[in-house]
Amino acid sequence: MIVPAGVVDYDPRWPLWFDEIRARLAPYADGFVVEHVGSTAVPGLAAKPIIDVDVVVPSAELVPKAIARLEAAGYRHEGDLGIAGREAFALPPDAVRYHHLYVVVDGNEAHQDHVLLRDHLRANAADRERYAARKRELAHLLMTDRTAYVSGKGALVEELIARACGSGAGGGTGRSGA
């Protein structure tokens, strides 16, 4: 499957794509919450057409169980990819939609960052536009240096998460993968 490498205007089909992915995960995520996070979960926000999905487990002790279930579904566990508290997966060969899949523990920093950023951008049009503009500014990097693309958004992501938490400055915690 080809990785989407561009930032596009919001597509109202993205929630439907998430529903397809969630339905495919349902037998493997029984007892866990499957949540749409990331830019495609924010109506009106420009994004890469990649659906970000969190499988939310209630405790760290259940992470291995969730990993085993997702591997049984054909996903390949890739570790945390540098973001503590977020276990990432490569797509199964029969994936119908390109997506990023993570296992997170309910309420841990990785989960909170995903939810705080999503919910803040849903509620704040000015910040949603700032974030979209920054992503469009950096979009040329998607074909050559995805790490630079993510890093280029980092300071703004941290600022937005801090605003969502009620403070005015970023925490400097390196949470730019949110």
Protein backbone atom coordinates (compact mmCIF):
# COMPACT_ATOMS: atom_id res chain seq x y z
CA MET A 1 0.00 0.00 0.00
CA ILE A 2 1.37 3.42 -0.94
CA VAL A 3 1.86 5.85 1.94
CA PRO A 4 -0.03 9.12 1.30
CA ALA A 5 2.52 11.91 0.96
CA GLY A 6 0.57 15.14 0.84
CA VAL A 7 -1.57 17.43 2.94
CA VAL A 8 -5.09 17.78 1.55
CA ASP A 9 -8.27 19.60 2.52
CA TYR A 10 -10.53 17.87 5.04
CA ASP A 11 -12.46 14.97 3.51
CA PRO A 12 -15.84 14.11 5.06
CA ARG A 13 -15.18 10.44 4.18
CA TRP A 14 -12.44 10.21 6.84
CA PRO A 15 -14.84 9.35 9.71
CA LEU A 16 -16.37 6.66 7.46
CA TRP A 17 -12.90 5.26 6.77
CA PHE A 18 -12.28 5.17 10.52
CA ASP A 19 -15.56 3.26 10.97
CA GLU A 20 -14.34 0.67 8.42
CA ILE A 21 -11.06 0.27 10.27
CA ARG A 22 -12.80 0.05 13.65
CA ALA A 23 -15.16 -2.62 12.31
CA ARG A 24 -12.20 -4.67 11.10
CA LEU A 25 -10.51 -4.29 14.51
CA ALA A 26 -13.66 -5.09 16.52
CA PRO A 27 -13.07 -8.84 16.95
CA TYR A 28 -9.50 -8.19 18.11
CA ALA A 29 -10.20 -5.16 20.29
CA ASP A 30 -13.02 -6.69 22.32
CA GLY A 31 -13.02 -5.00 25.71
CA PHE A 32 -10.84 -2.12 24.49
CA VAL A 33 -11.84 1.29 23.13
CA VAL A 34 -10.96 2.05 19.50
CA GLU A 35 -10.64 5.80 19.08
CA HIS A 36 -10.18 8.10 16.06
CA VAL A 37 -7.37 10.56 16.82
CA GLY A 38 -5.07 12.72 14.74
CA SER A 39 -5.87 15.36 12.15
CA THR A 40 -8.39 13.28 10.19
CA ALA A 41 -10.53 13.21 13.36
CA VAL A 42 -10.88 17.01 13.27
CA PRO A 43 -13.64 18.26 10.94
CA GLY A 44 -12.34 21.05 8.71
CA LEU A 45 -8.64 20.36 9.31
CA ALA A 46 -6.31 19.77 6.37
CA ALA A 47 -4.33 16.56 6.83
CA LYS A 48 -2.47 13.71 5.27
CA PRO A 49 -5.24 11.22 4.38
CA ILE A 50 -3.99 8.79 7.01
CA ILE A 51 -6.41 7.70 9.72
CA ASP A 52 -4.80 7.62 13.19
CA VAL A 53 -6.32 5.00 15.47
CA ASP A 54 -5.70 4.41 19.17
CA VAL A 55 -6.62 1.09 20.74
CA VAL A 56 -7.03 2.20 24.34
CA VAL A 57 -6.44 -0.36 27.06
CA PRO A 58 -7.40 0.30 30.70
CA SER A 59 -4.01 -0.66 32.20
CA ALA A 60 -0.38 -1.26 31.24
CA GLU A 61 -0.78 -4.93 32.16
CA LEU A 62 -3.13 -5.35 29.18
CA VAL A 63 -0.73 -3.92 26.59
CA PRO A 64 0.83 -7.34 25.79
CA LYS A 65 -2.65 -8.83 25.34
CA ALA A 66 -3.62 -6.03 22.95
CA ILE A 67 -0.37 -6.45 21.01
CA ALA A 68 -0.98 -10.21 20.66
CA ARG A 69 -4.54 -9.64 19.46
CA LEU A 70 -3.47 -7.09 16.86
CA GLU A 71 -0.69 -9.38 15.65
CA ALA A 72 -3.36 -12.08 15.23
CA ALA A 73 -5.22 -9.59 13.03
CA GLY A 74 -2.14 -9.32 10.80
CA TYR A 75 -0.56 -6.16 12.19
CA ARG A 76 3.17 -6.17 12.92
CA HIS A 77 4.25 -4.64 16.24
CA GLU A 78 6.99 -2.02 15.76
CA GLY A 79 7.58 -0.92 19.36
CA ASP A 80 7.12 2.64 20.56
CA LEU A 81 9.03 4.30 17.67
CA GLY A 82 10.51 6.77 20.13
CA ILE A 83 7.31 7.84 21.87
CA ALA A 84 6.99 6.23 25.29
CA GLY A 85 3.57 4.85 26.12
CA ARG A 86 2.50 4.40 22.49
CA GLU A 87 2.99 1.03 20.80
CA ALA A 88 2.91 1.30 17.00
CA PHE A 89 1.97 -1.24 14.34
CA ALA A 90 2.66 -1.77 10.65
CA LEU A 91 -0.38 -2.48 8.52
CA PRO A 92 -1.47 -5.98 7.58
CA PRO A 93 -1.10 -6.84 3.90
CA ASP A 94 -4.88 -6.80 3.41
CA ALA A 95 -5.51 -3.35 4.94
CA VAL A 96 -8.29 -1.56 3.08
CA ARG A 97 -7.35 1.97 4.20
CA TYR A 98 -3.96 3.40 5.01
CA HIS A 99 -3.82 4.12 8.74
CA HIS A 100 -1.56 4.39 11.77
CA LEU A 101 -2.46 2.09 14.62
CA TYR A 102 -1.31 2.51 18.20
CA VAL A 103 -1.97 0.84 21.53
CA VAL A 104 -2.06 3.31 24.43
CA VAL A 105 -3.01 3.04 28.08
CA ASP A 106 -6.08 5.06 29.04
CA GLY A 107 -4.92 8.38 30.44
CA ASN A 108 -1.19 7.96 29.84
CA GLU A 109 0.71 10.88 28.29
CA ALA A 110 0.63 9.50 24.74
CA HIS A 111 -3.15 8.96 24.95
CA GLN A 112 -3.78 12.34 26.57
CA ASP A 113 -1.69 14.11 23.93
CA HIS A 114 -3.72 12.53 21.13
CA VAL A 115 -7.06 13.39 22.74
CA LEU A 116 -6.10 16.86 23.98
CA LEU A 117 -4.78 17.94 20.58
CA ARG A 118 -7.76 16.48 18.71
CA ASP A 119 -10.34 18.00 21.03
CA HIS A 120 -8.59 21.39 21.17
CA LEU A 121 -8.45 21.61 17.38
CA ARG A 122 -12.10 20.58 17.09
CA ALA A 123 -13.06 23.45 19.40
CA ASN A 124 -10.67 26.18 18.26
CA ALA A 125 -10.94 27.36 14.64
CA ALA A 126 -8.01 29.80 14.86
CA ASP A 127 -5.62 27.13 16.13
CA ARG A 128 -7.01 24.64 13.62
CA GLU A 129 -6.12 27.10 10.82
CA ARG A 130 -2.65 27.76 12.28
CA TYR A 131 -1.97 24.04 12.43
CA ALA A 132 -3.25 23.46 8.89
CA ALA A 133 -1.07 26.31 7.60
CA ARG A 134 2.00 24.86 9.32
CA LYS A 135 1.34 21.42 7.86
CA ARG A 136 0.90 22.85 4.37
CA GLU A 137 4.12 24.82 4.81
CA LEU A 138 5.99 21.60 5.61
CA ALA A 139 4.16 19.27 3.20
CA HIS A 140 7.00 19.34 0.66
CA LEU A 141 9.06 17.35 3.19
CA LEU A 142 6.68 14.39 3.10
CA MET A 143 8.29 13.05 -0.06
CA THR A 144 11.86 13.37 1.18
CA ASP A 145 12.07 13.66 4.97
CA ARG A 146 9.07 12.68 7.07
CA THR A 147 11.11 13.10 10.24
CA ALA A 148 11.70 16.76 9.37
CA TYR A 149 7.97 17.14 8.66
CA VAL A 150 7.10 15.83 12.14
CA SER A 151 9.87 17.86 13.78
CA GLY A 152 8.74 20.99 11.97
CA LYS A 153 5.30 20.68 13.56
CA GLY A 154 6.70 19.84 17.01
CA ALA A 155 6.80 23.25 18.67
CA LEU A 156 3.30 24.11 17.50
CA VAL A 157 1.93 20.72 18.59
CA GLU A 158 3.43 21.23 22.05
CA GLU A 159 2.02 24.75 22.24
CA LEU A 160 -1.45 23.52 21.27
CA ILE A 161 -1.36 20.67 23.79
CA ALA A 162 -0.26 23.13 26.48
CA ARG A 163 -3.15 25.46 25.52
CA ALA A 164 -5.52 22.52 25.73
CA CYS A 165 -4.19 21.87 29.25
CA GLY A 166 -4.75 25.51 30.18
CA SER A 167 -1.20 26.82 30.17
CA GLY A 168 0.30 29.22 27.68
CA ALA A 169 3.62 27.57 26.82
CA GLY A 170 4.71 24.21 25.49
CA GLY A 171 6.06 21.71 27.94
CA GLY A 172 9.20 20.91 25.97
CA THR A 173 8.63 17.19 26.45
CA GLY A 174 9.29 16.14 22.86
CA ARG A 175 5.70 15.11 22.24
CA SER A 176 5.77 16.17 18.60
CA GLY A 177 4.51 12.82 17.39
CA ALA A 178 0.99 13.63 18.57
